[in-house]
N, C-alpha and C. Protein backbone atom coordinates (compact mmCIF):
# COMPACT_ATOMS: atom_id res chain seq x y z
N MET A 1 -23.11 -8.42 -7.19
CA MET A 1 -22.99 -9.78 -6.86
C MET A 1 -21.66 -10.14 -6.42
N ASN A 2 -21.60 -10.80 -5.21
CA ASN A 2 -20.32 -11.14 -4.62
C ASN A 2 -19.78 -12.37 -5.39
N GLN A 3 -18.38 -12.38 -5.43
CA GLN A 3 -17.77 -13.43 -6.10
C GLN A 3 -17.24 -14.39 -4.94
N ASN A 4 -17.17 -15.73 -5.19
CA ASN A 4 -16.65 -16.60 -4.16
C ASN A 4 -15.44 -17.25 -4.72
N SER A 5 -14.74 -17.99 -3.90
CA SER A 5 -13.41 -18.50 -4.29
C SER A 5 -13.49 -19.37 -5.60
N SER A 6 -14.64 -20.00 -5.78
CA SER A 6 -14.70 -20.91 -7.00
C SER A 6 -14.70 -20.07 -8.20
N ASN A 7 -15.00 -18.81 -8.16
CA ASN A 7 -14.98 -17.97 -9.30
C ASN A 7 -13.72 -17.29 -9.59
N TRP A 8 -12.76 -17.42 -8.67
CA TRP A 8 -11.48 -16.77 -8.72
C TRP A 8 -10.58 -17.58 -9.62
N PRO A 9 -9.91 -16.95 -10.58
CA PRO A 9 -9.03 -17.73 -11.47
C PRO A 9 -7.95 -18.46 -10.66
N SER A 10 -7.51 -19.66 -11.08
CA SER A 10 -6.48 -20.42 -10.38
C SER A 10 -5.15 -19.51 -10.31
N ASN A 11 -4.30 -19.86 -9.38
CA ASN A 11 -3.15 -19.09 -9.11
C ASN A 11 -1.96 -20.04 -8.98
N PRO A 12 -1.52 -20.69 -10.06
CA PRO A 12 -0.56 -21.71 -9.98
C PRO A 12 0.83 -21.22 -9.68
N SER A 13 1.02 -19.86 -9.87
CA SER A 13 2.33 -19.34 -9.68
C SER A 13 2.65 -19.15 -8.16
N GLY A 14 1.61 -19.20 -7.31
CA GLY A 14 1.86 -19.03 -5.86
C GLY A 14 2.16 -17.57 -5.45
N ARG A 15 1.96 -16.66 -6.40
CA ARG A 15 2.25 -15.25 -6.14
C ARG A 15 1.03 -14.65 -5.27
N PHE A 16 1.06 -13.29 -5.01
CA PHE A 16 0.22 -12.72 -4.10
C PHE A 16 -0.90 -12.23 -4.93
N ARG A 17 -2.19 -12.54 -4.48
CA ARG A 17 -3.34 -11.96 -5.15
C ARG A 17 -3.64 -10.53 -4.84
N THR A 18 -3.19 -10.12 -3.63
CA THR A 18 -3.37 -8.67 -3.30
C THR A 18 -2.10 -8.16 -2.63
N VAL A 19 -1.82 -6.91 -3.18
CA VAL A 19 -0.65 -6.27 -2.68
C VAL A 19 -1.11 -4.89 -2.11
N LEU A 20 -0.70 -4.58 -0.80
CA LEU A 20 -0.89 -3.35 -0.12
C LEU A 20 0.50 -2.66 -0.03
N ALA A 21 0.60 -1.36 -0.46
CA ALA A 21 1.92 -0.63 -0.47
C ALA A 21 1.74 0.79 0.02
N ASP A 22 2.59 1.17 0.86
CA ASP A 22 2.62 2.47 1.39
C ASP A 22 4.04 3.05 1.19
N PRO A 23 4.43 3.45 -0.08
CA PRO A 23 5.78 3.89 -0.37
C PRO A 23 6.16 5.14 0.38
N PRO A 24 7.46 5.24 0.73
CA PRO A 24 8.01 6.41 1.33
C PRO A 24 8.29 7.58 0.37
N TRP A 25 7.24 8.12 -0.22
CA TRP A 25 7.33 9.19 -1.29
C TRP A 25 8.25 10.24 -0.88
N ASP A 26 9.22 10.59 -1.91
CA ASP A 26 10.08 11.76 -1.65
C ASP A 26 9.37 12.93 -2.23
N ILE A 27 8.65 13.72 -1.45
CA ILE A 27 7.94 14.88 -1.96
C ILE A 27 8.53 16.16 -1.42
N GLN A 28 9.85 16.12 -0.98
CA GLN A 28 10.38 17.31 -0.38
C GLN A 28 10.38 18.46 -1.38
N GLN A 29 10.58 18.19 -2.71
CA GLN A 29 10.56 19.26 -3.67
C GLN A 29 9.20 19.97 -3.76
N GLN A 30 8.14 19.38 -3.18
CA GLN A 30 6.87 19.99 -3.17
C GLN A 30 6.54 20.68 -1.77
N GLY A 31 7.63 20.85 -0.99
CA GLY A 31 7.38 21.54 0.18
C GLY A 31 7.14 20.80 1.48
N GLU A 32 7.02 19.50 1.34
CA GLU A 32 6.73 18.61 2.63
C GLU A 32 8.05 17.98 3.01
N ARG A 33 8.45 18.33 4.18
CA ARG A 33 9.74 17.82 4.63
C ARG A 33 9.64 16.97 5.86
N GLY A 34 8.55 16.84 6.46
CA GLY A 34 8.31 16.05 7.73
C GLY A 34 8.65 14.63 7.55
N ALA A 35 8.33 13.89 6.50
CA ALA A 35 8.59 12.49 6.32
C ALA A 35 10.05 12.17 6.48
N ALA A 36 10.90 12.94 6.07
CA ALA A 36 12.29 12.62 5.99
C ALA A 36 12.86 12.56 7.40
N ARG A 37 12.16 13.11 8.38
CA ARG A 37 12.63 13.01 9.80
C ARG A 37 12.29 11.61 10.37
N HIS A 38 11.39 10.94 9.78
CA HIS A 38 10.90 9.70 10.25
C HIS A 38 11.43 8.44 9.63
N TYR A 39 11.70 8.51 8.33
CA TYR A 39 12.16 7.38 7.51
C TYR A 39 12.80 7.75 6.21
N ASN A 40 13.53 6.85 5.64
CA ASN A 40 14.35 7.03 4.34
C ASN A 40 13.24 7.28 3.25
N LEU A 41 13.46 8.18 2.45
CA LEU A 41 12.49 8.41 1.28
C LEU A 41 12.98 7.75 0.01
N MET A 42 12.04 7.47 -0.89
CA MET A 42 12.51 6.84 -2.15
C MET A 42 12.03 7.85 -3.34
N SER A 43 12.82 7.87 -4.38
CA SER A 43 12.34 8.69 -5.53
C SER A 43 11.28 7.96 -6.19
N LEU A 44 10.58 8.75 -6.96
CA LEU A 44 9.40 8.24 -7.77
C LEU A 44 9.92 7.18 -8.83
N GLU A 45 11.13 7.34 -9.40
CA GLU A 45 11.63 6.42 -10.37
C GLU A 45 12.01 5.18 -9.71
N ARG A 46 12.51 5.27 -8.42
CA ARG A 46 12.91 3.89 -7.72
C ARG A 46 11.66 3.24 -7.42
N ILE A 47 10.61 3.93 -6.88
CA ILE A 47 9.39 3.21 -6.55
C ILE A 47 8.80 2.54 -7.86
N LYS A 48 8.82 3.21 -8.89
CA LYS A 48 8.18 2.72 -10.09
C LYS A 48 8.96 1.47 -10.56
N ALA A 49 10.26 1.36 -10.37
CA ALA A 49 11.13 0.27 -10.81
C ALA A 49 10.93 -0.94 -10.03
N MET A 50 10.28 -0.83 -8.84
CA MET A 50 10.13 -2.08 -8.04
C MET A 50 9.42 -3.29 -8.79
N PRO A 51 9.85 -4.36 -8.60
CA PRO A 51 9.30 -5.62 -9.45
C PRO A 51 7.96 -5.97 -8.77
N VAL A 52 7.02 -5.22 -8.50
CA VAL A 52 5.85 -5.58 -7.86
C VAL A 52 4.94 -6.47 -8.75
N GLY A 53 5.09 -6.23 -10.03
CA GLY A 53 4.41 -7.07 -11.02
C GLY A 53 4.88 -8.45 -11.00
N ASP A 54 6.05 -8.70 -10.55
CA ASP A 54 6.57 -10.09 -10.52
C ASP A 54 6.18 -10.79 -9.16
N LEU A 55 5.82 -10.00 -8.25
CA LEU A 55 5.41 -10.50 -6.88
C LEU A 55 3.86 -10.83 -6.82
N ALA A 56 3.14 -10.14 -7.76
CA ALA A 56 1.71 -10.28 -7.86
C ALA A 56 1.29 -11.41 -8.83
N ALA A 57 0.24 -11.96 -8.53
CA ALA A 57 -0.35 -12.96 -9.42
C ALA A 57 -0.85 -12.23 -10.61
N PRO A 58 -0.97 -13.07 -11.76
CA PRO A 58 -1.48 -12.37 -13.07
C PRO A 58 -2.83 -11.78 -12.86
N ASP A 59 -3.68 -12.34 -11.99
CA ASP A 59 -4.93 -11.73 -11.75
C ASP A 59 -4.91 -11.27 -10.24
N ALA A 60 -4.81 -9.96 -10.11
CA ALA A 60 -4.53 -9.37 -8.71
C ALA A 60 -5.02 -8.04 -8.51
N HIS A 61 -5.11 -7.67 -7.23
CA HIS A 61 -5.53 -6.41 -6.79
C HIS A 61 -4.25 -5.72 -6.08
N LEU A 62 -4.27 -4.24 -6.36
CA LEU A 62 -3.25 -3.52 -5.71
C LEU A 62 -3.99 -2.40 -4.85
N TRP A 63 -3.54 -2.19 -3.59
CA TRP A 63 -3.97 -1.11 -2.77
C TRP A 63 -2.77 -0.23 -2.51
N LEU A 64 -2.81 1.02 -2.99
CA LEU A 64 -1.56 2.00 -2.96
C LEU A 64 -1.87 3.18 -2.26
N TRP A 65 -1.31 3.39 -1.19
CA TRP A 65 -1.50 4.74 -0.45
C TRP A 65 -0.80 5.83 -1.19
N VAL A 66 -1.45 6.98 -1.17
CA VAL A 66 -0.89 8.16 -1.66
C VAL A 66 -1.40 9.39 -0.89
N THR A 67 -0.56 10.41 -0.88
CA THR A 67 -1.01 11.67 -0.16
C THR A 67 -1.56 12.56 -1.24
N ASN A 68 -2.23 13.59 -0.84
CA ASN A 68 -2.74 14.57 -1.78
C ASN A 68 -1.68 15.11 -2.78
N ALA A 69 -0.41 15.26 -2.32
CA ALA A 69 0.76 15.75 -3.15
C ALA A 69 1.17 14.59 -4.12
N THR A 70 0.85 13.30 -3.78
CA THR A 70 1.46 12.22 -4.71
C THR A 70 0.30 11.57 -5.31
N LEU A 71 -0.89 12.12 -5.45
CA LEU A 71 -2.05 11.39 -6.06
C LEU A 71 -1.71 11.20 -7.53
N ARG A 72 -1.28 12.02 -8.23
CA ARG A 72 -0.96 11.84 -9.69
C ARG A 72 0.16 10.78 -9.87
N ASP A 73 1.23 10.85 -9.00
CA ASP A 73 2.21 9.84 -9.07
C ASP A 73 1.77 8.48 -8.68
N GLY A 74 0.78 8.39 -7.86
CA GLY A 74 0.17 7.02 -7.59
C GLY A 74 -0.30 6.28 -8.75
N TYR A 75 -0.96 7.03 -9.64
CA TYR A 75 -1.51 6.41 -10.94
C TYR A 75 -0.43 5.88 -11.77
N ASP A 76 0.72 6.81 -11.80
CA ASP A 76 1.90 6.37 -12.56
C ASP A 76 2.55 5.15 -12.01
N VAL A 77 2.69 5.05 -10.72
CA VAL A 77 3.25 3.92 -10.04
C VAL A 77 2.40 2.63 -10.37
N ALA A 78 1.07 2.81 -10.09
CA ALA A 78 0.21 1.45 -10.41
C ALA A 78 0.36 1.05 -11.80
N GLU A 79 0.53 1.98 -12.81
CA GLU A 79 0.61 1.55 -14.12
C GLU A 79 2.00 0.94 -14.42
N ALA A 80 3.07 1.49 -13.74
CA ALA A 80 4.38 0.92 -13.96
C ALA A 80 4.49 -0.45 -13.28
N TRP A 81 3.72 -0.75 -12.29
CA TRP A 81 3.63 -2.10 -11.70
C TRP A 81 2.71 -3.03 -12.40
N GLY A 82 1.98 -2.55 -13.44
CA GLY A 82 1.15 -3.39 -14.18
C GLY A 82 -0.33 -3.33 -13.80
N PHE A 83 -0.78 -2.40 -13.13
CA PHE A 83 -2.15 -2.35 -12.58
C PHE A 83 -2.88 -1.01 -13.21
N THR A 84 -4.12 -1.14 -13.19
CA THR A 84 -5.00 -0.02 -13.65
C THR A 84 -5.76 0.45 -12.36
N VAL A 85 -5.75 1.73 -12.09
CA VAL A 85 -6.45 2.24 -10.95
C VAL A 85 -7.95 2.31 -11.27
N ARG A 86 -8.78 1.78 -10.35
CA ARG A 86 -10.21 1.73 -10.55
C ARG A 86 -10.96 2.72 -9.70
N SER A 87 -10.44 3.07 -8.49
CA SER A 87 -11.16 3.88 -7.66
C SER A 87 -10.30 4.26 -6.38
N PRO A 88 -10.32 5.62 -5.93
CA PRO A 88 -9.63 5.95 -4.72
C PRO A 88 -10.54 5.64 -3.52
N LEU A 89 -9.91 5.32 -2.44
CA LEU A 89 -10.62 5.16 -1.20
C LEU A 89 -10.09 6.29 -0.31
N THR A 90 -10.90 7.10 0.22
CA THR A 90 -10.29 8.34 0.84
C THR A 90 -10.27 8.21 2.47
N TRP A 91 -9.26 8.30 3.11
CA TRP A 91 -9.19 8.27 4.59
C TRP A 91 -9.49 9.65 4.99
N ILE A 92 -10.64 9.96 5.77
CA ILE A 92 -10.95 11.21 6.29
C ILE A 92 -10.50 11.16 7.68
N LYS A 93 -9.55 12.17 7.97
CA LYS A 93 -8.93 12.18 9.31
C LYS A 93 -9.65 13.08 10.38
N PHE A 94 -10.45 14.00 9.93
CA PHE A 94 -11.12 14.84 10.83
C PHE A 94 -10.14 15.51 11.81
N ARG A 95 -8.91 15.78 11.18
CA ARG A 95 -7.96 16.56 12.08
C ARG A 95 -7.15 17.45 11.07
N MET A 96 -6.90 18.67 11.47
CA MET A 96 -6.38 19.66 10.72
C MET A 96 -4.92 19.26 10.31
N GLY A 97 -4.54 19.15 9.07
CA GLY A 97 -3.13 18.81 8.73
C GLY A 97 -2.30 19.98 8.35
N LEU A 98 -1.22 19.68 7.71
CA LEU A 98 -0.46 20.79 7.17
C LEU A 98 -0.76 20.86 5.63
N GLY A 99 -0.18 21.94 5.09
CA GLY A 99 -0.33 22.15 3.58
C GLY A 99 0.06 23.54 3.18
N LYS A 100 0.61 23.64 1.98
CA LYS A 100 1.07 24.97 1.57
C LYS A 100 -0.13 25.79 1.11
N TYR A 101 -1.15 25.03 0.53
CA TYR A 101 -2.37 25.75 0.04
C TYR A 101 -3.65 25.54 0.72
N LEU A 102 -3.95 24.28 0.88
CA LEU A 102 -5.16 23.77 1.75
C LEU A 102 -4.60 22.89 2.78
N ARG A 103 -5.28 22.83 3.90
CA ARG A 103 -4.75 21.97 5.19
C ARG A 103 -5.24 20.50 4.84
N ASN A 104 -4.22 19.61 4.69
CA ASN A 104 -4.53 18.27 4.39
C ASN A 104 -5.14 17.49 5.45
N SER A 105 -6.20 16.98 5.36
CA SER A 105 -6.93 16.17 6.30
C SER A 105 -7.37 14.73 5.75
N THR A 106 -6.85 14.41 4.71
CA THR A 106 -7.19 13.19 3.99
C THR A 106 -5.89 12.51 3.38
N GLU A 107 -5.94 11.24 3.23
CA GLU A 107 -4.99 10.43 2.39
C GLU A 107 -5.94 9.50 1.57
N HIS A 108 -5.25 8.94 0.48
CA HIS A 108 -6.06 8.10 -0.36
C HIS A 108 -5.41 6.73 -0.53
N LEU A 109 -6.26 5.80 -0.66
CA LEU A 109 -5.73 4.40 -0.89
C LEU A 109 -6.31 3.96 -2.27
N LEU A 110 -5.47 3.97 -3.35
CA LEU A 110 -5.89 3.73 -4.60
C LEU A 110 -6.17 2.21 -4.79
N PHE A 111 -7.32 1.81 -5.25
CA PHE A 111 -7.65 0.41 -5.57
C PHE A 111 -7.37 0.20 -7.07
N ALA A 112 -6.53 -0.80 -7.43
CA ALA A 112 -6.24 -1.03 -8.79
C ALA A 112 -6.21 -2.55 -9.01
N THR A 113 -6.40 -2.84 -10.26
CA THR A 113 -6.61 -4.34 -10.64
C THR A 113 -5.67 -4.66 -11.84
N ARG A 114 -5.40 -5.90 -12.04
CA ARG A 114 -4.90 -6.44 -13.36
C ARG A 114 -5.42 -7.79 -13.53
N GLY A 115 -5.50 -8.07 -14.79
CA GLY A 115 -6.01 -9.42 -15.23
C GLY A 115 -7.62 -9.50 -14.87
N ARG A 116 -7.98 -10.73 -14.52
CA ARG A 116 -9.38 -10.88 -14.16
C ARG A 116 -9.35 -11.11 -12.65
N ALA A 117 -9.53 -10.07 -11.94
CA ALA A 117 -9.46 -10.14 -10.51
C ALA A 117 -10.72 -9.65 -9.91
N PRO A 118 -11.70 -10.45 -9.58
CA PRO A 118 -13.04 -10.15 -9.13
C PRO A 118 -13.02 -9.43 -7.72
N VAL A 119 -14.00 -8.63 -7.51
CA VAL A 119 -14.20 -7.98 -6.35
C VAL A 119 -15.27 -8.75 -5.43
N ASN A 120 -14.87 -9.03 -4.21
CA ASN A 120 -15.76 -9.88 -3.36
C ASN A 120 -17.04 -9.08 -2.78
N PHE A 121 -16.85 -7.74 -2.58
CA PHE A 121 -17.83 -7.05 -1.87
C PHE A 121 -17.93 -5.64 -2.62
N ARG A 122 -19.08 -5.28 -3.02
CA ARG A 122 -19.33 -4.13 -3.97
C ARG A 122 -20.08 -2.99 -3.18
N SER A 123 -20.18 -3.19 -1.79
CA SER A 123 -20.82 -2.02 -1.17
C SER A 123 -20.01 -1.17 -0.26
N GLN A 124 -18.71 -1.23 -0.52
CA GLN A 124 -17.78 -0.36 0.20
C GLN A 124 -17.81 1.02 -0.38
N PRO A 125 -18.07 1.99 0.47
CA PRO A 125 -18.09 3.45 0.03
C PRO A 125 -16.70 3.89 -0.28
N THR A 126 -16.45 4.97 -0.84
CA THR A 126 -15.16 5.53 -1.32
C THR A 126 -14.45 6.28 -0.21
N TRP A 127 -14.83 6.05 0.93
CA TRP A 127 -14.16 6.81 2.18
C TRP A 127 -14.28 5.86 3.41
N ILE A 128 -13.39 6.16 4.28
CA ILE A 128 -13.27 5.60 5.58
C ILE A 128 -12.98 6.70 6.59
N ASN A 129 -13.53 6.63 7.75
CA ASN A 129 -13.28 7.61 8.91
C ASN A 129 -12.58 6.72 9.89
N ALA A 130 -11.35 7.17 10.22
CA ALA A 130 -10.49 6.41 11.20
C ALA A 130 -9.64 7.35 11.84
N PRO A 131 -9.35 7.07 13.19
CA PRO A 131 -8.49 7.97 13.96
C PRO A 131 -7.00 7.96 13.44
N VAL A 132 -6.43 9.18 13.70
CA VAL A 132 -5.02 9.39 13.31
C VAL A 132 -4.12 8.88 14.46
N GLN A 133 -3.09 8.24 14.13
CA GLN A 133 -2.20 7.72 15.18
C GLN A 133 -0.83 8.41 15.00
N GLU A 134 0.36 7.67 15.20
CA GLU A 134 1.61 8.31 15.11
C GLU A 134 1.89 8.56 13.58
N HIS A 135 3.01 9.25 13.29
CA HIS A 135 3.23 9.80 11.96
C HIS A 135 3.29 8.61 10.98
N SER A 136 2.49 8.77 9.85
CA SER A 136 2.49 7.87 8.75
C SER A 136 1.72 6.60 8.92
N ARG A 137 1.37 6.28 10.21
CA ARG A 137 0.62 5.05 10.41
C ARG A 137 -0.72 5.07 9.88
N LYS A 138 -1.00 3.98 9.02
CA LYS A 138 -2.33 3.99 8.37
C LYS A 138 -3.25 3.33 9.33
N PRO A 139 -4.61 3.56 9.10
CA PRO A 139 -5.58 2.93 10.03
C PRO A 139 -5.67 1.39 9.91
N ASP A 140 -5.86 0.72 11.05
CA ASP A 140 -5.98 -0.67 11.04
C ASP A 140 -7.21 -1.15 10.31
N GLU A 141 -8.19 -0.20 10.21
CA GLU A 141 -9.35 -0.60 9.42
C GLU A 141 -9.11 -0.82 7.99
N GLN A 142 -7.98 -0.46 7.53
CA GLN A 142 -7.63 -0.87 6.03
C GLN A 142 -7.62 -2.42 5.81
N TYR A 143 -7.17 -3.07 6.74
CA TYR A 143 -7.03 -4.54 6.65
C TYR A 143 -8.44 -5.23 6.47
N ALA A 144 -9.36 -4.80 7.25
CA ALA A 144 -10.79 -5.32 7.13
C ALA A 144 -11.37 -4.98 5.77
N VAL A 145 -11.14 -3.71 5.24
CA VAL A 145 -11.64 -3.21 3.98
C VAL A 145 -11.03 -4.17 2.93
N ILE A 146 -9.68 -4.27 2.94
CA ILE A 146 -8.98 -5.04 1.86
C ILE A 146 -9.42 -6.50 1.91
N GLU A 147 -9.51 -7.05 3.06
CA GLU A 147 -9.89 -8.50 3.14
C GLU A 147 -11.26 -8.83 2.77
N ARG A 148 -12.17 -7.74 2.92
CA ARG A 148 -13.58 -7.88 2.45
C ARG A 148 -13.72 -7.85 0.96
N ILE A 149 -12.79 -7.10 0.29
CA ILE A 149 -12.96 -6.88 -1.18
C ILE A 149 -12.05 -7.76 -1.94
N SER A 150 -10.85 -8.10 -1.46
CA SER A 150 -9.82 -8.74 -2.20
C SER A 150 -9.45 -10.13 -1.56
N HIS A 151 -9.20 -11.07 -2.46
CA HIS A 151 -8.60 -12.37 -1.96
C HIS A 151 -7.21 -12.37 -1.59
N GLY A 152 -6.74 -13.27 -0.73
CA GLY A 152 -5.38 -13.45 -0.32
C GLY A 152 -4.86 -14.66 -1.23
N PRO A 153 -3.60 -14.87 -1.21
CA PRO A 153 -2.66 -14.35 -0.11
C PRO A 153 -2.38 -12.91 -0.38
N TYR A 154 -2.07 -12.22 0.81
CA TYR A 154 -1.77 -10.78 0.82
C TYR A 154 -0.33 -10.51 1.08
N LEU A 155 0.10 -9.37 0.47
CA LEU A 155 1.47 -8.86 0.79
C LEU A 155 1.41 -7.47 1.07
N GLU A 156 2.11 -6.92 2.21
CA GLU A 156 2.17 -5.59 2.53
C GLU A 156 3.61 -5.11 2.27
N LEU A 157 3.76 -4.20 1.40
CA LEU A 157 5.16 -3.69 1.12
C LEU A 157 5.23 -2.36 1.92
N PHE A 158 6.41 -2.19 2.46
CA PHE A 158 6.87 -1.02 3.34
C PHE A 158 6.04 -1.18 4.63
N ALA A 159 5.88 -2.36 5.12
CA ALA A 159 5.21 -2.56 6.35
C ALA A 159 5.98 -2.18 7.52
N ARG A 160 5.38 -1.65 8.52
CA ARG A 160 6.06 -1.24 9.69
C ARG A 160 5.72 -2.14 10.97
N ARG A 161 4.70 -2.86 10.71
CA ARG A 161 4.29 -3.91 11.82
C ARG A 161 3.44 -4.92 11.22
N ARG A 162 3.17 -6.07 11.86
CA ARG A 162 2.40 -7.13 11.29
C ARG A 162 1.00 -6.70 11.35
N PRO A 163 0.21 -7.07 10.33
CA PRO A 163 -1.19 -6.70 10.28
C PRO A 163 -1.96 -7.31 11.36
N PRO A 164 -2.95 -6.54 12.06
CA PRO A 164 -3.75 -7.18 13.11
C PRO A 164 -4.85 -8.04 12.45
N SER A 165 -4.48 -9.14 11.83
CA SER A 165 -5.40 -9.93 11.15
C SER A 165 -5.04 -11.38 11.20
N ASN A 166 -5.97 -12.34 11.16
CA ASN A 166 -5.66 -13.69 11.05
C ASN A 166 -5.61 -14.22 9.58
N ALA A 167 -5.74 -13.27 8.57
CA ALA A 167 -5.73 -13.65 7.24
C ALA A 167 -4.23 -13.97 6.86
N ASP A 168 -4.10 -14.46 5.65
CA ASP A 168 -2.71 -14.83 5.09
C ASP A 168 -1.98 -13.62 4.55
N TRP A 169 -1.32 -12.94 5.52
CA TRP A 169 -0.49 -11.72 5.12
C TRP A 169 0.95 -12.01 5.24
N SER A 170 1.67 -11.64 4.27
CA SER A 170 3.22 -11.53 4.34
C SER A 170 3.64 -10.04 4.35
N VAL A 171 4.75 -9.78 4.91
CA VAL A 171 5.19 -8.36 4.94
C VAL A 171 6.63 -8.25 4.42
N TRP A 172 6.81 -6.99 3.96
CA TRP A 172 8.25 -6.64 3.65
C TRP A 172 8.47 -5.03 4.01
N GLY A 173 9.61 -4.89 4.59
CA GLY A 173 9.86 -3.48 5.01
C GLY A 173 11.14 -3.43 5.83
N ASN A 174 11.69 -2.21 6.03
CA ASN A 174 12.86 -2.06 6.81
C ASN A 174 12.70 -1.71 8.37
N GLU A 175 11.41 -1.84 8.76
CA GLU A 175 11.17 -1.74 10.20
C GLU A 175 10.58 -2.99 10.81
N ILE A 176 10.64 -4.18 10.08
CA ILE A 176 9.98 -5.33 10.38
C ILE A 176 10.87 -6.55 9.89
N ASN A 177 10.76 -7.71 10.61
CA ASN A 177 11.40 -8.85 10.07
C ASN A 177 10.57 -9.28 8.84
N SER A 178 11.12 -9.14 7.67
CA SER A 178 10.36 -9.35 6.40
C SER A 178 10.31 -10.86 6.09
N ASP A 179 9.12 -11.16 5.49
CA ASP A 179 8.81 -12.50 5.11
C ASP A 179 9.43 -12.91 3.70
N ILE A 180 9.48 -11.88 2.83
CA ILE A 180 10.09 -12.04 1.43
C ILE A 180 11.26 -11.18 1.25
N SER A 181 11.87 -11.38 0.14
CA SER A 181 12.95 -10.42 -0.37
C SER A 181 12.44 -9.90 -1.67
N VAL A 182 12.79 -8.61 -1.96
CA VAL A 182 12.48 -7.90 -3.20
C VAL A 182 13.77 -7.64 -3.94
N PRO A 183 14.00 -8.38 -5.07
CA PRO A 183 15.23 -8.21 -5.87
C PRO A 183 15.56 -6.76 -6.14
N GLY A 184 16.79 -6.34 -5.77
CA GLY A 184 17.25 -4.96 -5.95
C GLY A 184 16.82 -4.08 -4.90
N TYR A 185 16.14 -4.41 -3.83
CA TYR A 185 15.56 -3.63 -2.78
C TYR A 185 15.91 -4.21 -1.37
N PRO A 186 17.25 -4.34 -1.01
CA PRO A 186 17.45 -4.94 0.24
C PRO A 186 17.03 -4.15 1.42
N VAL A 187 16.62 -4.91 2.44
CA VAL A 187 16.20 -4.24 3.68
C VAL A 187 16.77 -4.98 4.84
N PRO A 188 17.15 -4.26 5.93
CA PRO A 188 17.60 -4.96 7.10
C PRO A 188 16.55 -5.89 7.67
N SER A 189 16.85 -6.95 8.33
CA SER A 189 15.94 -7.92 8.90
C SER A 189 15.18 -7.39 10.05
N TYR A 190 15.87 -6.57 10.90
CA TYR A 190 15.19 -6.18 12.13
C TYR A 190 15.37 -4.63 12.34
N ARG A 191 14.59 -4.08 13.19
CA ARG A 191 14.62 -2.66 13.44
C ARG A 191 15.97 -2.30 14.08
N SER A 192 16.47 -3.21 15.02
CA SER A 192 17.73 -2.89 15.64
C SER A 192 18.90 -2.65 14.63
N GLU A 193 18.68 -3.37 13.48
CA GLU A 193 19.78 -3.34 12.45
C GLU A 193 19.72 -1.93 11.82
N VAL A 194 18.46 -1.37 11.62
CA VAL A 194 18.22 -0.15 11.08
C VAL A 194 18.82 0.92 12.02
N ASP A 195 18.60 0.74 13.36
CA ASP A 195 19.12 1.73 14.27
C ASP A 195 20.63 1.73 14.21
N ASP A 196 21.27 0.59 14.17
CA ASP A 196 22.67 0.56 14.19
C ASP A 196 23.34 1.16 12.99
N CYS A 197 22.49 1.25 11.88
CA CYS A 197 23.07 1.85 10.58
C CYS A 197 23.02 3.34 10.63
N GLY A 198 22.38 3.85 11.65
CA GLY A 198 22.47 5.38 11.76
C GLY A 198 21.16 5.98 11.79
């Protein structure tokens, strides 16, 4: 049964009801070094220490991107942020990837909740098939899935571009003019400032 807005608990705090995050996992110790050529990485402890729980409403959803190598870490991060993982949504790329043991052709978007956060749509399968674009770019289809299942207002952490959506999205990241600040995690306002820093 679908939930509508009248069934959603009130949100007097004005915080975000849905958070999407694609952390720059530092997984070099596991043999994957490609990401460091594209962006600065963060340690697992630094990611876990982010005050995401303070940004999210008491009743909220979290959508957290993980690779096959960081799948276990994703559960720990969700828990550190105050969420419980309910299900993975697997992005099937249908393109041969890299990997030390098996060739990675998937990534996962962990769906997690906290409090009384109803799901709007219960017919979403646990996979999506979407084309691969430039390094680390997640499929635009993610926004339609998230908006179908979760209420806004929405926040995307580690955003690299504005969501292609008319929904109420705010963004934070070091490659975009951020809408919010995250205490203890300063980012430059514009990409040119990132380039100037080196």
